[in-house]
Amino acid sequence: MKKILLTFACTFFLISSYSQTLEKGNVIGFHVGTVKLNPDVTYNQWKSFFIEEWLPAINKEFEGEMKYYFLEGERGDQKGNFSVLTVKSIQVRDKYWPEFKKSSEAFNTKLNNVIQVYNKLNALGEVKFESSTDWLVQ
């Protein structure tokens, strides 16, 4: 329960700091993961690339449809893990992921537009998402 409350507190802080509001029908996606870094890469190098290169690229690609955020486990059960948080509508979610863990051609097209940055991110380490849940704002 504490993990859920902390996650939602972080979510509301992030969204309010970007002057966005959560509205009924929004979908908040939490994708909790770990990264297995390549031997010559530090976690801070990977995180910096993720935040400074990957997030701007993917957010520009989905501008007006959804927003990606990077969360880092600072305390508790998920300390040392990270989460990718997405804010979108059900319609946008279904457009790009018509089924759980199954992306659409529309998503693949968007990803192909940022494939060079994506490949650089993957060259730093292997990401594994251990948990994914979409939360519907009521």
Protein backbone atom coordinates (compact mmCIF):
# COMPACT_ATOMS: atom_id res chain seq x y z
CA MET A 1 0.00 0.00 0.00
CA LYS A 2 2.86 2.37 0.83
CA LYS A 3 4.42 1.67 -2.57
CA ILE A 4 1.19 2.60 -4.33
CA LEU A 5 0.79 5.80 -2.29
CA LEU A 6 4.40 6.84 -2.95
CA THR A 7 4.01 6.10 -6.65
CA PHE A 8 0.87 8.19 -6.89
CA ALA A 9 2.47 11.02 -4.92
CA CYS A 10 5.37 11.05 -7.37
CA THR A 11 2.95 10.95 -10.28
CA PHE A 12 0.96 13.94 -9.07
CA PHE A 13 4.16 15.88 -8.39
CA LEU A 14 5.52 15.19 -11.87
CA ILE A 15 2.30 16.03 -13.61
CA SER A 16 1.72 19.21 -11.65
CA SER A 17 5.29 20.36 -12.25
CA TYR A 18 4.62 20.21 -16.00
CA SER A 19 1.29 22.06 -15.65
CA GLN A 20 -0.69 19.04 -16.76
CA THR A 21 -3.72 17.73 -14.98
CA LEU A 22 -5.12 14.28 -14.65
CA GLU A 23 -8.60 13.98 -15.97
CA LYS A 24 -11.17 11.23 -15.73
CA GLY A 25 -10.38 8.66 -18.39
CA ASN A 26 -6.60 9.26 -18.44
CA VAL A 27 -4.46 6.17 -18.30
CA ILE A 28 -1.32 6.18 -16.20
CA GLY A 29 1.03 3.39 -17.20
CA PHE A 30 3.65 2.18 -14.72
CA HIS A 31 6.34 -0.05 -16.16
CA VAL A 32 8.78 -1.10 -13.44
CA GLY A 33 12.12 -2.42 -14.59
CA THR A 34 15.77 -3.04 -14.08
CA VAL A 35 18.72 -2.61 -16.37
CA LYS A 36 21.63 -5.01 -16.87
CA LEU A 37 24.42 -2.64 -17.82
CA ASN A 38 27.18 -3.46 -20.26
CA PRO A 39 30.56 -3.84 -18.51
CA ASP A 40 31.90 -0.42 -19.50
CA VAL A 41 28.72 1.51 -18.61
CA THR A 42 27.75 2.97 -15.23
CA TYR A 43 24.18 3.34 -14.05
CA ASN A 44 24.57 7.13 -14.04
CA GLN A 45 25.73 7.10 -17.67
CA TRP A 46 22.72 4.98 -18.66
CA LYS A 47 20.29 7.11 -16.63
CA SER A 48 21.71 10.36 -18.06
CA PHE A 49 21.30 9.06 -21.60
CA PHE A 50 17.78 7.87 -20.85
CA ILE A 51 16.74 11.23 -19.40
CA GLU A 52 18.69 13.58 -21.69
CA GLU A 53 18.45 11.73 -25.02
CA TRP A 54 15.77 9.03 -25.01
CA LEU A 55 12.97 10.87 -23.19
CA PRO A 56 13.19 14.03 -25.34
CA ALA A 57 13.23 11.92 -28.52
CA ILE A 58 10.28 9.70 -27.60
CA ASN A 59 8.28 12.56 -26.09
CA LYS A 60 8.76 14.64 -29.24
CA GLU A 61 7.56 11.68 -31.32
CA PHE A 62 4.38 11.32 -29.24
CA GLU A 63 3.85 15.02 -28.60
CA GLY A 64 0.19 15.81 -28.03
CA GLU A 65 -0.72 12.15 -27.53
CA MET A 66 1.19 10.96 -24.50
CA LYS A 67 4.05 11.84 -22.21
CA TYR A 68 6.81 9.58 -20.87
CA TYR A 69 8.54 10.13 -17.51
CA PHE A 70 11.44 8.42 -15.75
CA LEU A 71 10.97 7.48 -12.07
CA GLU A 72 13.65 6.04 -9.87
CA GLY A 73 13.09 3.88 -6.79
CA GLU A 74 14.57 5.91 -3.97
CA ARG A 75 13.28 3.98 -0.95
CA GLY A 76 11.24 0.87 -0.26
CA ASP A 77 10.58 -2.31 -2.21
CA GLN A 78 11.54 -0.79 -5.55
CA LYS A 79 14.73 0.97 -4.42
CA GLY A 80 17.33 0.57 -7.13
CA ASN A 81 14.73 -0.06 -9.81
CA PHE A 82 13.25 2.42 -12.19
CA SER A 83 9.85 2.96 -13.69
CA VAL A 84 8.73 4.45 -16.96
CA LEU A 85 5.50 6.32 -16.41
CA THR A 86 3.23 7.21 -19.31
CA VAL A 87 0.22 9.51 -19.29
CA LYS A 88 -2.27 9.00 -22.12
CA SER A 89 -5.90 8.40 -22.97
CA ILE A 90 -7.44 4.97 -23.44
CA GLN A 91 -7.84 5.76 -27.14
CA VAL A 92 -4.13 6.54 -27.51
CA ARG A 93 -3.16 3.47 -25.50
CA ASP A 94 -5.34 1.25 -27.68
CA LYS A 95 -4.02 2.88 -30.86
CA TYR A 96 -0.43 1.96 -30.00
CA TRP A 97 -1.02 -1.14 -27.81
CA PRO A 98 -4.28 -2.82 -28.90
CA GLU A 99 -3.55 -5.71 -26.53
CA PHE A 100 -1.46 -6.03 -23.38
CA LYS A 101 2.24 -6.19 -24.36
CA LYS A 102 1.39 -6.12 -28.08
CA SER A 103 2.33 -2.99 -30.01
CA SER A 104 0.65 -1.86 -33.23
CA GLU A 105 2.10 -0.85 -36.59
CA ALA A 106 1.40 2.77 -35.59
CA PHE A 107 3.70 2.33 -32.55
CA ASN A 108 6.35 0.59 -34.65
CA THR A 109 6.31 3.52 -37.07
CA LYS A 110 6.85 5.97 -34.20
CA LEU A 111 9.65 3.81 -32.81
CA ASN A 112 11.33 3.61 -36.21
CA ASN A 113 11.45 7.41 -36.27
CA VAL A 114 13.67 7.36 -33.15
CA ILE A 115 15.41 4.03 -33.80
CA GLN A 116 18.93 5.50 -33.74
CA VAL A 117 18.45 6.86 -30.22
CA TYR A 118 16.72 3.64 -29.16
CA ASN A 119 19.64 1.55 -30.45
CA LYS A 120 22.13 3.75 -28.58
CA LEU A 121 20.12 3.26 -25.39
CA ASN A 122 20.09 -0.52 -25.89
CA ALA A 123 23.85 -0.49 -26.51
CA LEU A 124 24.31 0.77 -22.94
CA GLY A 125 22.42 -2.08 -21.30
CA GLU A 126 19.51 -4.48 -21.43
CA VAL A 127 16.25 -3.27 -19.90
CA LYS A 128 13.84 -5.77 -18.40
CA PHE A 129 10.35 -4.66 -17.36
CA GLU A 130 9.18 -6.87 -14.52
CA SER A 131 5.81 -5.25 -13.99
CA SER A 132 3.46 -3.25 -16.18
CA THR A 133 0.08 -1.88 -15.16
CA ASP A 134 -2.21 0.73 -16.67
CA TRP A 135 -4.18 2.68 -14.08
CA LEU A 136 -7.39 4.40 -15.13
CA VAL A 137 -8.15 7.77 -13.51
CA GLN A 138 -11.73 7.73 -12.20
